[in-house]
């Protein structure tokens, strides 16, 4: 029998086609988003961000944070570094290199996830501080979370998503030491007032660099991953 004699049963072709134009690609896109959300454990990440917000609220309501002195910044900066670490770790993929077969949509998912989680983290911490005065205010939260998230995203491209929390935590140790010793430098933005334009510029620069690198390259895939 030759291929020319193989005939498609009547109506079979129409049954395999999508009923509406673009229906198949839309379904595939939604499935890709669901798989991406599941593989990055975004629900767990959102739970961790909520937990950080609740801790900040309890700390402010119970006056665990001193009203003056360098210690006023320590717990907020710790929680901001914690949220940045959570966001950075979501760049880890258990699938590794084969996931890149999804094509250009993977870059959009990386960008959207990192940007959305950063906005959610800022919103939750700001909401947690709404009941009381947070030293530095919302501007401090935006600057610190964005900057340290950028450090985490850059770390993910260098040492892998699973270890990317090391970047924000190392920066946290440096920041806490600088706070206790009253250092003032734009590169260590948590030590500066929220109105400091230079510190805000450097934090924004690091965040944009982190977003750009993670969007284009993704987290480094280590052999163990």
N, C-alpha and C. Protein backbone atom coordinates (compact mmCIF):
# COMPACT_ATOMS: atom_id res chain seq x y z
N UNK A 1 0.87 -1.19 0.00
CA UNK A 1 0.00 0.00 0.00
C UNK A 1 0.90 1.24 0.00
N UNK A 2 0.59 2.19 -0.88
CA UNK A 2 1.35 3.42 -0.95
C UNK A 2 0.67 4.50 -0.13
N UNK A 3 1.46 5.55 0.28
CA UNK A 3 0.85 6.63 1.05
C UNK A 3 -0.30 7.30 0.33
N UNK A 4 -0.24 7.27 -1.00
CA UNK A 4 -1.30 7.94 -1.76
C UNK A 4 -2.64 7.27 -1.56
N UNK A 5 -2.60 5.95 -1.21
CA UNK A 5 -3.87 5.23 -1.03
C UNK A 5 -4.46 5.39 0.37
N UNK A 6 -3.64 5.95 1.27
CA UNK A 6 -4.16 6.15 2.63
C UNK A 6 -5.03 7.38 2.62
N UNK A 7 -6.25 7.20 2.93
CA UNK A 7 -7.19 8.32 2.88
C UNK A 7 -7.70 8.64 4.29
N UNK A 8 -7.87 9.90 4.54
CA UNK A 8 -8.40 10.34 5.82
C UNK A 8 -9.91 10.17 5.81
N UNK A 9 -10.49 9.53 6.81
CA UNK A 9 -11.95 9.37 6.86
C UNK A 9 -12.65 10.71 6.79
N UNK A 10 -13.78 10.70 6.15
CA UNK A 10 -14.54 11.94 6.01
C UNK A 10 -14.89 12.50 7.37
N UNK A 11 -14.64 13.79 7.54
CA UNK A 11 -14.99 14.47 8.78
C UNK A 11 -13.92 14.40 9.84
N UNK A 12 -12.88 13.54 9.63
CA UNK A 12 -11.86 13.39 10.68
C UNK A 12 -11.06 14.66 10.82
N UNK A 13 -10.74 15.31 9.71
CA UNK A 13 -9.93 16.52 9.75
C UNK A 13 -10.65 17.64 10.49
N UNK A 14 -11.94 17.74 10.23
CA UNK A 14 -12.70 18.82 10.89
C UNK A 14 -12.81 18.59 12.38
N UNK A 15 -12.80 17.30 12.79
CA UNK A 15 -12.92 17.02 14.21
C UNK A 15 -11.66 17.40 14.98
N UNK A 16 -10.51 17.37 14.30
CA UNK A 16 -9.25 17.67 14.98
C UNK A 16 -8.93 19.15 14.99
N UNK A 17 -9.62 19.93 14.24
CA UNK A 17 -9.37 21.36 14.20
C UNK A 17 -10.08 22.06 15.35
N UNK A 18 -9.47 23.15 15.89
CA UNK A 18 -10.16 23.94 16.91
C UNK A 18 -11.44 24.55 16.35
N UNK A 19 -12.45 24.62 17.15
CA UNK A 19 -13.72 25.18 16.70
C UNK A 19 -13.59 26.66 16.39
N UNK A 20 -12.81 27.39 17.24
CA UNK A 20 -12.62 28.82 17.05
C UNK A 20 -11.17 29.08 16.71
N UNK A 21 -10.87 30.10 15.89
CA UNK A 21 -9.48 30.42 15.58
C UNK A 21 -8.73 30.82 16.84
N UNK A 22 -7.53 30.26 17.02
CA UNK A 22 -6.72 30.62 18.18
C UNK A 22 -7.08 29.86 19.44
N UNK A 23 -8.11 29.02 19.40
CA UNK A 23 -8.54 28.30 20.61
C UNK A 23 -7.44 27.38 21.12
N UNK A 24 -6.77 26.67 20.19
CA UNK A 24 -5.72 25.74 20.61
C UNK A 24 -4.55 26.46 21.25
N UNK A 25 -4.10 27.58 20.66
CA UNK A 25 -2.97 28.31 21.21
C UNK A 25 -3.32 28.94 22.55
N UNK A 26 -4.56 29.40 22.71
CA UNK A 26 -4.98 29.99 23.99
C UNK A 26 -4.98 28.93 25.09
N UNK A 27 -5.47 27.74 24.76
CA UNK A 27 -5.48 26.65 25.73
C UNK A 27 -4.07 26.26 26.12
N UNK A 28 -3.19 26.18 25.14
CA UNK A 28 -1.79 25.85 25.42
C UNK A 28 -1.14 26.91 26.28
N UNK A 29 -1.48 28.18 26.01
CA UNK A 29 -0.92 29.27 26.81
C UNK A 29 -1.36 29.21 28.26
N UNK A 30 -2.65 28.93 28.48
CA UNK A 30 -3.16 28.82 29.85
C UNK A 30 -2.53 27.64 30.58
N UNK A 31 -2.33 26.55 29.85
CA UNK A 31 -1.70 25.38 30.46
C UNK A 31 -0.25 25.68 30.83
N UNK A 32 0.44 26.43 29.98
CA UNK A 32 1.81 26.82 30.28
C UNK A 32 1.88 27.69 31.53
N UNK A 33 0.94 28.63 31.65
CA UNK A 33 0.92 29.48 32.84
C UNK A 33 0.67 28.66 34.09
N UNK A 34 -0.28 27.72 34.03
CA UNK A 34 -0.57 26.88 35.20
C UNK A 34 0.65 26.05 35.60
N UNK A 35 1.33 25.48 34.60
CA UNK A 35 2.52 24.69 34.89
C UNK A 35 3.63 25.56 35.47
N UNK A 36 3.76 26.76 34.97
CA UNK A 36 4.79 27.68 35.47
C UNK A 36 4.51 28.05 36.92
N UNK A 37 3.25 28.37 37.22
CA UNK A 37 2.88 28.73 38.60
C UNK A 37 3.13 27.56 39.54
N UNK A 38 2.78 26.35 39.10
CA UNK A 38 2.98 25.18 39.95
C UNK A 38 4.46 24.87 40.15
N UNK A 39 5.24 24.94 39.08
CA UNK A 39 6.66 24.58 39.17
C UNK A 39 7.45 25.57 40.01
N UNK A 40 7.02 26.82 40.03
CA UNK A 40 7.72 27.84 40.82
C UNK A 40 7.18 27.94 42.24
N UNK A 41 6.22 27.11 42.57
CA UNK A 41 5.63 27.11 43.92
C UNK A 41 5.19 28.51 44.33
N UNK A 42 4.47 29.17 43.44
CA UNK A 42 4.07 30.55 43.68
C UNK A 42 3.06 30.66 44.81
N UNK A 43 2.26 29.63 45.02
CA UNK A 43 1.31 29.68 46.14
C UNK A 43 2.04 29.69 47.47
N UNK A 44 3.08 28.88 47.56
CA UNK A 44 3.90 28.86 48.78
C UNK A 44 4.58 30.22 48.97
N UNK A 45 5.07 30.79 47.86
CA UNK A 45 5.72 32.09 47.93
C UNK A 45 4.76 33.17 48.42
N UNK A 46 3.53 33.14 47.92
CA UNK A 46 2.54 34.13 48.37
C UNK A 46 2.24 33.96 49.86
N UNK A 47 2.17 32.71 50.32
CA UNK A 47 1.97 32.47 51.74
C UNK A 47 3.10 33.03 52.58
N UNK A 48 4.34 32.88 52.10
CA UNK A 48 5.49 33.41 52.83
C UNK A 48 5.46 34.94 52.86
N UNK A 49 5.05 35.57 51.77
CA UNK A 49 4.95 37.03 51.75
C UNK A 49 3.89 37.53 52.72
N UNK A 50 2.77 36.82 52.78
CA UNK A 50 1.71 37.18 53.74
C UNK A 50 2.23 37.04 55.17
N UNK A 51 3.00 35.98 55.43
CA UNK A 51 3.54 35.77 56.77
C UNK A 51 4.47 36.92 57.17
N UNK A 52 5.29 37.39 56.25
CA UNK A 52 6.17 38.53 56.55
C UNK A 52 5.35 39.77 56.89
N UNK A 53 4.26 39.97 56.16
CA UNK A 53 3.39 41.12 56.43
C UNK A 53 2.76 41.02 57.82
N UNK A 54 2.33 39.82 58.20
CA UNK A 54 1.71 39.63 59.51
C UNK A 54 2.72 39.83 60.64
N UNK A 55 3.94 39.38 60.43
CA UNK A 55 4.99 39.59 61.45
C UNK A 55 5.26 41.08 61.63
N UNK A 56 5.33 41.81 60.52
CA UNK A 56 5.56 43.25 60.62
C UNK A 56 4.42 43.94 61.35
N UNK A 57 3.20 43.55 61.06
CA UNK A 57 2.04 44.15 61.73
C UNK A 57 2.08 43.87 63.23
N UNK A 58 2.38 42.61 63.60
CA UNK A 58 2.45 42.26 65.02
C UNK A 58 3.57 43.02 65.71
N UNK A 59 4.70 43.17 65.02
CA UNK A 59 5.84 43.88 65.62
C UNK A 59 5.51 45.33 65.88
N UNK A 60 4.77 45.95 64.97
CA UNK A 60 4.40 47.36 65.17
C UNK A 60 3.33 47.52 66.24
N UNK A 61 2.37 46.63 66.27
CA UNK A 61 1.29 46.74 67.25
C UNK A 61 1.77 46.42 68.67
N UNK A 62 2.73 45.50 68.79
CA UNK A 62 3.23 45.11 70.11
C UNK A 62 4.50 45.86 70.51
N UNK A 63 4.87 46.83 69.67
CA UNK A 63 6.01 47.70 69.96
C UNK A 63 7.31 46.92 70.11
N UNK A 64 7.48 45.92 69.24
CA UNK A 64 8.76 45.20 69.21
C UNK A 64 9.83 46.04 68.54
N UNK A 65 9.42 47.04 67.78
CA UNK A 65 10.35 47.91 67.08
C UNK A 65 10.52 49.20 67.88
N UNK A 66 11.73 49.55 68.30
CA UNK A 66 11.95 50.80 69.06
C UNK A 66 11.50 52.00 68.25
N UNK A 67 11.08 53.04 68.96
CA UNK A 67 10.59 54.25 68.28
C UNK A 67 11.71 55.16 67.81
N UNK A 68 12.93 54.94 68.28
CA UNK A 68 14.06 55.76 67.87
C UNK A 68 15.35 54.95 67.94
N UNK A 69 16.39 55.48 67.29
CA UNK A 69 17.67 54.80 67.30
C UNK A 69 17.84 53.87 66.10
N UNK A 70 19.03 53.32 65.94
CA UNK A 70 19.30 52.46 64.77
C UNK A 70 18.51 51.17 64.77
N UNK A 71 18.07 50.69 65.93
CA UNK A 71 17.34 49.43 66.00
C UNK A 71 15.95 49.51 65.36
N UNK A 72 15.47 50.73 65.09
CA UNK A 72 14.16 50.86 64.46
C UNK A 72 14.13 50.25 63.06
N UNK A 73 15.28 50.15 62.42
CA UNK A 73 15.33 49.66 61.04
C UNK A 73 15.61 48.17 60.94
N UNK A 74 16.08 47.56 62.01
CA UNK A 74 16.58 46.20 61.90
C UNK A 74 15.52 45.18 61.50
N UNK A 75 14.39 45.14 62.20
CA UNK A 75 13.36 44.16 61.87
C UNK A 75 12.72 44.43 60.52
N UNK A 76 12.36 45.69 60.19
CA UNK A 76 11.81 45.92 58.85
C UNK A 76 12.75 45.49 57.73
N UNK A 77 14.04 45.79 57.87
CA UNK A 77 15.00 45.40 56.84
C UNK A 77 15.11 43.88 56.75
N UNK A 78 15.04 43.21 57.90
CA UNK A 78 15.07 41.75 57.91
C UNK A 78 13.90 41.17 57.12
N UNK A 79 12.71 41.71 57.35
CA UNK A 79 11.52 41.21 56.65
C UNK A 79 11.57 41.56 55.16
N UNK A 80 12.09 42.72 54.84
CA UNK A 80 12.23 43.11 53.42
C UNK A 80 13.21 42.19 52.70
N UNK A 81 14.30 41.84 53.38
CA UNK A 81 15.24 40.89 52.79
C UNK A 81 14.60 39.50 52.66
N UNK A 82 13.75 39.16 53.61
CA UNK A 82 13.06 37.87 53.54
C UNK A 82 12.14 37.79 52.34
N UNK A 83 11.39 38.85 52.08
CA UNK A 83 10.50 38.85 50.91
C UNK A 83 11.31 38.79 49.61
N UNK A 84 12.44 39.50 49.58
CA UNK A 84 13.29 39.47 48.38
C UNK A 84 13.84 38.06 48.15
N UNK A 85 14.19 37.37 49.22
CA UNK A 85 14.70 36.00 49.10
C UNK A 85 13.62 35.06 48.56
N UNK A 86 12.39 35.24 49.04
CA UNK A 86 11.28 34.41 48.57
C UNK A 86 11.06 34.61 47.08
N UNK A 87 11.08 35.86 46.64
CA UNK A 87 10.86 36.16 45.22
C UNK A 87 11.98 35.56 44.37
N UNK A 88 13.21 35.69 44.85
CA UNK A 88 14.35 35.17 44.09
C UNK A 88 14.28 33.66 43.94
N UNK A 89 13.88 32.96 44.98
CA UNK A 89 13.85 31.50 44.94
C UNK A 89 12.81 30.98 43.95
N UNK A 90 11.77 31.78 43.68
CA UNK A 90 10.75 31.34 42.72
C UNK A 90 11.29 31.23 41.30
N UNK A 91 12.50 31.72 41.06
CA UNK A 91 13.09 31.58 39.73
C UNK A 91 13.61 30.17 39.48
N UNK A 92 13.69 29.36 40.53
CA UNK A 92 14.21 27.99 40.38
C UNK A 92 13.21 27.12 39.63
N UNK A 93 13.71 26.37 38.65
CA UNK A 93 12.86 25.47 37.87
C UNK A 93 13.31 24.03 38.07
N UNK A 94 12.41 23.13 38.44
CA UNK A 94 12.78 21.72 38.57
C UNK A 94 12.96 21.03 37.22
N UNK A 95 12.54 21.69 36.13
CA UNK A 95 12.61 21.07 34.81
C UNK A 95 13.94 21.33 34.11
N UNK A 96 14.58 22.43 34.49
CA UNK A 96 15.89 22.72 33.90
C UNK A 96 15.81 23.14 32.45
N UNK A 97 16.79 22.74 31.69
CA UNK A 97 16.93 23.19 30.31
C UNK A 97 15.75 22.85 29.41
N UNK A 98 15.07 21.68 29.52
CA UNK A 98 13.96 21.38 28.61
C UNK A 98 12.84 22.41 28.65
N UNK A 99 12.72 23.15 29.75
CA UNK A 99 11.64 24.13 29.85
C UNK A 99 11.81 25.25 28.82
N UNK A 100 13.02 25.47 28.35
CA UNK A 100 13.27 26.55 27.39
C UNK A 100 12.60 26.28 26.05
N UNK A 101 12.11 25.06 25.84
CA UNK A 101 11.42 24.72 24.60
C UNK A 101 10.10 25.47 24.46
N UNK A 102 9.63 26.08 25.56
CA UNK A 102 8.39 26.85 25.47
C UNK A 102 8.55 28.12 24.67
N UNK A 103 9.80 28.47 24.34
CA UNK A 103 10.02 29.61 23.46
C UNK A 103 9.93 30.95 24.17
N UNK A 104 9.49 31.96 23.41
CA UNK A 104 9.53 33.33 23.89
C UNK A 104 8.59 33.58 25.06
N UNK A 105 7.58 32.74 25.26
CA UNK A 105 6.64 32.97 26.35
C UNK A 105 7.30 32.83 27.72
N UNK A 106 8.36 32.05 27.80
CA UNK A 106 9.03 31.87 29.07
C UNK A 106 9.61 33.18 29.59
N UNK A 107 10.12 34.01 28.70
CA UNK A 107 10.66 35.31 29.10
C UNK A 107 9.57 36.21 29.69
N UNK A 108 8.40 36.19 29.05
CA UNK A 108 7.28 36.99 29.57
C UNK A 108 6.86 36.50 30.96
N UNK A 109 6.85 35.19 31.15
CA UNK A 109 6.47 34.64 32.45
C UNK A 109 7.47 35.01 33.52
N UNK A 110 8.74 34.97 33.19
CA UNK A 110 9.77 35.38 34.16
C UNK A 110 9.57 36.84 34.57
N UNK A 111 9.41 37.70 33.56
CA UNK A 111 9.25 39.13 33.82
C UNK A 111 8.00 39.40 34.64
N UNK A 112 6.88 38.81 34.21
CA UNK A 112 5.62 39.06 34.90
C UNK A 112 5.62 38.56 36.32
N UNK A 113 6.21 37.37 36.54
CA UNK A 113 6.24 36.81 37.89
C UNK A 113 7.08 37.64 38.84
N UNK A 114 8.29 38.00 38.40
CA UNK A 114 9.18 38.79 39.25
C UNK A 114 8.58 40.16 39.56
N UNK A 115 8.03 40.81 38.54
CA UNK A 115 7.43 42.12 38.75
C UNK A 115 6.20 42.08 39.63
N UNK A 116 5.34 41.08 39.38
CA UNK A 116 4.11 40.96 40.17
C UNK A 116 4.41 40.64 41.63
N UNK A 117 5.32 39.71 41.88
CA UNK A 117 5.64 39.34 43.26
C UNK A 117 6.28 40.50 44.00
N UNK A 118 7.10 41.29 43.31
CA UNK A 118 7.69 42.47 43.96
C UNK A 118 6.61 43.46 44.36
N UNK A 119 5.67 43.71 43.45
CA UNK A 119 4.56 44.61 43.77
C UNK A 119 3.71 44.09 44.91
N UNK A 120 3.45 42.78 44.91
CA UNK A 120 2.65 42.17 45.98
C UNK A 120 3.38 42.28 47.32
N UNK A 121 4.70 42.04 47.32
CA UNK A 121 5.48 42.14 48.55
C UNK A 121 5.43 43.55 49.12
N UNK A 122 5.59 44.54 48.27
CA UNK A 122 5.52 45.93 48.72
C UNK A 122 4.14 46.25 49.27
N UNK A 123 3.11 45.80 48.56
CA UNK A 123 1.75 46.06 49.01
C UNK A 123 1.43 45.40 50.34
N UNK A 124 1.87 44.15 50.52
CA UNK A 124 1.59 43.43 51.77
C UNK A 124 2.32 44.05 52.95
N UNK A 125 3.59 44.40 52.77
CA UNK A 125 4.34 45.02 53.86
C UNK A 125 3.76 46.39 54.20
N UNK A 126 3.36 47.14 53.18
CA UNK A 126 2.73 48.44 53.44
C UNK A 126 1.41 48.28 54.17
N UNK A 127 0.64 47.25 53.79
CA UNK A 127 -0.63 46.97 54.48
C UNK A 127 -0.37 46.54 55.92
N UNK A 128 0.69 45.76 56.13
CA UNK A 128 1.02 45.33 57.48
C UNK A 128 1.42 46.47 58.37
N UNK A 129 1.95 47.54 57.77
CA UNK A 129 2.38 48.70 58.55
C UNK A 129 1.30 49.78 58.63
N UNK A 130 0.14 49.52 58.03
CA UNK A 130 -0.90 50.55 57.97
C UNK A 130 -1.44 50.92 59.34
N UNK A 131 -1.43 49.98 60.29
CA UNK A 131 -2.01 50.24 61.61
C UNK A 131 -1.09 51.05 62.51
N UNK A 132 0.16 51.21 62.13
CA UNK A 132 1.11 51.93 62.98
C UNK A 132 2.15 52.61 62.10
N UNK A 133 2.95 53.46 62.71
CA UNK A 133 3.96 54.19 61.96
C UNK A 133 5.17 53.30 61.71
N UNK A 134 5.52 53.13 60.44
CA UNK A 134 6.70 52.38 60.08
C UNK A 134 7.84 53.34 59.81
N UNK A 135 8.97 53.16 60.50
CA UNK A 135 10.11 54.04 60.25
C UNK A 135 10.50 54.04 58.77
N UNK A 136 10.52 55.22 58.18
CA UNK A 136 10.86 55.32 56.76
C UNK A 136 9.66 55.34 55.84
N UNK A 137 8.53 54.82 56.31
CA UNK A 137 7.31 54.85 55.52
C UNK A 137 7.32 53.92 54.32
N UNK A 138 6.33 54.09 53.46
CA UNK A 138 6.16 53.23 52.30
C UNK A 138 7.30 53.38 51.30
N UNK A 139 7.85 54.59 51.17
CA UNK A 139 8.96 54.80 50.24
C UNK A 139 10.15 53.93 50.61
N UNK A 140 10.39 53.78 51.90
CA UNK A 140 11.47 52.92 52.37
C UNK A 140 11.22 51.46 51.97
N UNK A 141 9.96 51.03 52.10
CA UNK A 141 9.61 49.65 51.75
C UNK A 141 9.82 49.41 50.25
N UNK A 142 9.36 50.33 49.44
CA UNK A 142 9.49 50.18 47.99
C UNK A 142 10.97 50.09 47.60
N UNK A 143 11.75 51.03 48.10
CA UNK A 143 13.18 51.06 47.75
C UNK A 143 13.91 49.80 48.20
N UNK A 144 13.71 49.42 49.47
CA UNK A 144 14.45 48.29 50.02
C UNK A 144 14.04 46.96 49.39
N UNK A 145 12.73 46.74 49.24
CA UNK A 145 12.26 45.48 48.65
C UNK A 145 12.72 45.38 47.19
N UNK A 146 12.56 46.45 46.43
CA UNK A 146 12.94 46.42 45.02
C UNK A 146 14.44 46.18 44.87
N UNK A 147 15.24 46.92 45.61
CA UNK A 147 16.68 46.77 45.49
C UNK A 147 17.17 45.39 45.87
N UNK A 148 16.68 44.86 46.99
CA UNK A 148 17.14 43.54 47.43
C UNK A 148 16.58 42.42 46.55
N UNK A 149 15.41 42.65 45.97
CA UNK A 149 14.89 41.68 45.00
C UNK A 149 15.79 41.64 43.77
N UNK A 150 16.25 42.81 43.33
CA UNK A 150 17.19 42.85 42.22
C UNK A 150 18.45 42.06 42.51
N UNK A 151 18.96 42.17 43.75
CA UNK A 151 20.14 41.40 44.15
C UNK A 151 19.83 39.90 44.08
N UNK A 152 18.65 39.52 44.54
CA UNK A 152 18.26 38.11 44.50
C UNK A 152 18.15 37.58 43.08
N UNK A 153 17.59 38.39 42.18
CA UNK A 153 17.44 37.94 40.78
C UNK A 153 18.79 37.81 40.10
N UNK A 154 19.69 38.74 40.38
CA UNK A 154 21.04 38.63 39.82
C UNK A 154 21.74 37.40 40.38
N UNK A 155 21.54 37.13 41.67
CA UNK A 155 22.13 35.94 42.28
C UNK A 155 21.62 34.67 41.62
N UNK A 156 20.33 34.68 41.24
CA UNK A 156 19.75 33.49 40.59
C UNK A 156 20.43 33.18 39.27
N UNK A 157 20.84 34.21 38.54
CA UNK A 157 21.51 33.97 37.26
C UNK A 157 22.97 33.55 37.44
N UNK A 158 23.52 33.81 38.61
CA UNK A 158 24.93 33.49 38.85
C UNK A 158 25.10 32.14 39.55
N UNK A 159 24.32 31.90 40.60
CA UNK A 159 24.51 30.68 41.41
C UNK A 159 23.31 29.74 41.37
N UNK A 160 22.25 30.11 40.66
CA UNK A 160 21.08 29.25 40.55
C UNK A 160 19.93 29.72 41.42
N UNK A 161 18.71 29.41 40.98
CA UNK A 161 17.52 29.86 41.69
C UNK A 161 17.41 29.29 43.08
N UNK A 162 17.82 28.03 43.27
CA UNK A 162 17.70 27.41 44.57
C UNK A 162 18.57 28.03 45.63
N UNK A 163 19.65 28.68 45.22
CA UNK A 163 20.58 29.31 46.16
C UNK A 163 20.53 30.84 46.10
N UNK A 164 19.59 31.38 45.35
CA UNK A 164 19.56 32.82 45.13
C UNK A 164 19.26 33.62 46.39
N UNK A 165 18.71 32.98 47.42
CA UNK A 165 18.44 33.67 48.68
C UNK A 165 19.72 34.14 49.35
N UNK A 166 20.86 33.58 48.96
CA UNK A 166 22.13 33.96 49.58
C UNK A 166 22.43 35.44 49.32
N UNK A 167 22.11 35.92 48.12
CA UNK A 167 22.38 37.31 47.78
C UNK A 167 21.69 38.30 48.71
N UNK A 168 20.34 38.26 48.82
CA UNK A 168 19.66 39.18 49.75
C UNK A 168 20.08 39.00 51.20
N UNK A 169 20.36 37.75 51.63
CA UNK A 169 20.76 37.53 53.02
C UNK A 169 22.15 38.10 53.31
N UNK A 170 23.06 37.98 52.33
CA UNK A 170 24.39 38.57 52.49
C UNK A 170 24.29 40.09 52.55
N UNK A 171 23.43 40.64 51.71
CA UNK A 171 23.23 42.09 51.73
C UNK A 171 22.57 42.53 53.04
N UNK A 172 21.71 41.68 53.58
CA UNK A 172 21.09 41.98 54.87
C UNK A 172 22.14 42.08 55.97
N UNK A 173 23.06 41.13 56.03
CA UNK A 173 24.12 41.17 57.04
C UNK A 173 24.94 42.45 56.91
N UNK A 174 25.27 42.81 55.67
CA UNK A 174 26.01 44.05 55.44
C UNK A 174 25.20 45.26 55.88
N UNK A 175 23.92 45.26 55.59
CA UNK A 175 23.06 46.38 55.95
C UNK A 175 22.89 46.51 57.46
N UNK A 176 22.69 45.39 58.13
CA UNK A 176 22.52 45.44 59.58
C UNK A 176 23.78 45.96 60.26
N UNK A 177 24.94 45.53 59.78
CA UNK A 177 26.20 46.03 60.34
C UNK A 177 26.35 47.52 60.09
N UNK A 178 25.97 47.96 58.88
CA UNK A 178 26.06 49.38 58.55
C UNK A 178 25.10 50.21 59.40
N UNK A 179 23.92 49.67 59.66
CA UNK A 179 22.95 50.39 60.50
C UNK A 179 23.49 50.57 61.91
N UNK A 180 24.05 49.50 62.48
CA UNK A 180 24.57 49.57 63.85
C UNK A 180 25.76 50.52 63.96
N UNK A 181 26.54 50.62 62.89
CA UNK A 181 27.73 51.48 62.92
C UNK A 181 27.49 52.85 62.29
N UNK A 182 26.21 53.12 61.96
CA UNK A 182 25.81 54.43 61.43
C UNK A 182 26.56 54.80 60.15
N UNK A 183 26.78 53.81 59.27
CA UNK A 183 27.37 54.12 57.97
C UNK A 183 26.30 54.73 57.08
N UNK A 184 26.73 55.57 56.16
CA UNK A 184 25.80 56.19 55.22
C UNK A 184 26.40 56.14 53.83
N UNK A 185 25.85 55.32 52.98
CA UNK A 185 26.29 55.24 51.59
C UNK A 185 25.12 54.82 50.72
N UNK A 186 24.98 55.40 49.53
CA UNK A 186 23.84 55.03 48.67
C UNK A 186 23.81 53.56 48.28
N UNK A 187 24.98 52.90 48.25
CA UNK A 187 25.01 51.50 47.88
C UNK A 187 24.40 50.60 48.96
N UNK A 188 24.36 51.10 50.18
CA UNK A 188 23.68 50.37 51.25
C UNK A 188 22.45 51.20 51.61
N UNK A 189 21.44 51.12 50.74
CA UNK A 189 20.30 52.03 50.81
C UNK A 189 19.47 51.91 52.09
N UNK A 190 19.38 50.76 52.77
CA UNK A 190 18.59 50.74 54.01
C UNK A 190 19.11 51.66 55.11
N UNK A 191 20.37 52.10 54.99
CA UNK A 191 20.95 52.97 56.01
C UNK A 191 20.61 54.44 55.79
N UNK A 192 20.03 54.76 54.64
CA UNK A 192 19.79 56.17 54.29
C UNK A 192 18.31 56.52 54.45
N UNK A 193 18.00 57.81 54.62
CA UNK A 193 16.59 58.23 54.70
C UNK A 193 15.83 57.88 53.42
N UNK A 194 14.54 57.71 53.54
CA UNK A 194 13.73 57.31 52.38
C UNK A 194 13.73 58.36 51.28
N UNK A 195 14.03 59.63 51.62
CA UNK A 195 14.04 60.70 50.61
C UNK A 195 15.38 60.82 49.89
N UNK A 196 16.35 59.97 50.22
CA UNK A 196 17.67 60.05 49.60
C UNK A 196 17.57 59.63 48.13
N UNK A 197 17.77 60.58 47.23
CA UNK A 197 17.61 60.31 45.80
C UNK A 197 18.70 59.37 45.29
N UNK A 198 19.93 59.52 45.79
CA UNK A 198 21.01 58.66 45.34
C UNK A 198 20.78 57.20 45.69
N UNK A 199 20.33 56.96 46.93
CA UNK A 199 20.05 55.59 47.35
C UNK A 199 18.90 54.99 46.54
N UNK A 200 17.87 55.79 46.29
CA UNK A 200 16.74 55.32 45.49
C UNK A 200 17.19 54.98 44.07
N UNK A 201 18.10 55.78 43.52
CA UNK A 201 18.61 55.53 42.16
C UNK A 201 19.36 54.20 42.11
N UNK A 202 20.23 53.96 43.07
CA UNK A 202 21.01 52.72 43.05
C UNK A 202 20.11 51.51 43.26
N UNK A 203 19.12 51.61 44.15
CA UNK A 203 18.20 50.50 44.37
C UNK A 203 17.41 50.20 43.10
N UNK A 204 16.93 51.26 42.45
CA UNK A 204 16.18 51.09 41.20
C UNK A 204 17.07 50.49 40.11
N UNK A 205 18.32 50.93 40.06
CA UNK A 205 19.25 50.41 39.05
C UNK A 205 19.48 48.91 39.24
N UNK A 206 19.66 48.48 40.48
CA UNK A 206 19.88 47.07 40.76
C UNK A 206 18.62 46.26 40.42
N UNK A 207 17.44 46.81 40.74
CA UNK A 207 16.20 46.10 40.45
C UNK A 207 15.99 45.93 38.95
N UNK A 208 16.21 47.01 38.20
CA UNK A 208 16.05 46.93 36.74
C UNK A 208 17.04 45.95 36.14
N UNK A 209 18.28 45.97 36.64
CA UNK A 209 19.28 45.02 36.14
C UNK A 209 18.87 43.58 36.44
N UNK A 210 18.37 43.35 37.64
CA UNK A 210 17.93 42.00 38.00
C UNK A 210 16.77 41.52 37.15
N UNK A 211 15.78 42.38 36.94
CA UNK A 211 14.63 42.03 36.10
C UNK A 211 15.08 41.74 34.67
N UNK A 212 15.96 42.58 34.14
CA UNK A 212 16.40 42.42 32.76
C UNK A 212 17.17 41.11 32.58
N UNK A 213 18.06 40.81 33.52
CA UNK A 213 18.89 39.60 33.39
C UNK A 213 18.04 38.34 33.55
N UNK A 214 17.15 38.33 34.54
CA UNK A 214 16.35 37.12 34.77
C UNK A 214 15.36 36.91 33.63
N UNK A 215 14.89 38.00 33.02
CA UNK A 215 13.97 37.88 31.89
C UNK A 215 14.67 37.28 30.68
N UNK A 216 15.87 37.77 30.41
CA UNK A 216 16.58 37.32 29.22
C UNK A 216 17.25 35.96 29.36
N UNK A 217 17.82 35.69 30.54
CA UNK A 217 18.62 34.48 30.70
C UNK A 217 17.97 33.42 31.57
N UNK A 218 17.17 33.85 32.54
CA UNK A 218 16.61 32.92 33.49
C UNK A 218 17.64 32.52 34.54
N UNK A 219 17.21 31.77 35.52
CA UNK A 219 18.11 31.33 36.58
C UNK A 219 19.09 30.30 36.04
N UNK A 220 20.28 30.32 36.59
CA UNK A 220 21.29 29.36 36.18
C UNK A 220 20.85 27.95 36.59
N UNK A 221 21.03 27.01 35.68
CA UNK A 221 20.68 25.62 35.96
C UNK A 221 21.92 24.87 36.40
N UNK A 222 21.97 24.55 37.67
CA UNK A 222 23.11 23.83 38.21
C UNK A 222 22.97 22.33 37.93
N UNK A 223 24.06 21.62 38.02
CA UNK A 223 24.04 20.19 37.71
C UNK A 223 23.11 19.42 38.63
N UNK A 224 23.03 19.87 39.90
CA UNK A 224 22.19 19.16 40.87
C UNK A 224 20.72 19.43 40.65
N UNK A 225 20.40 20.47 39.85
CA UNK A 225 19.01 20.84 39.62
C UNK A 225 18.48 20.20 38.35
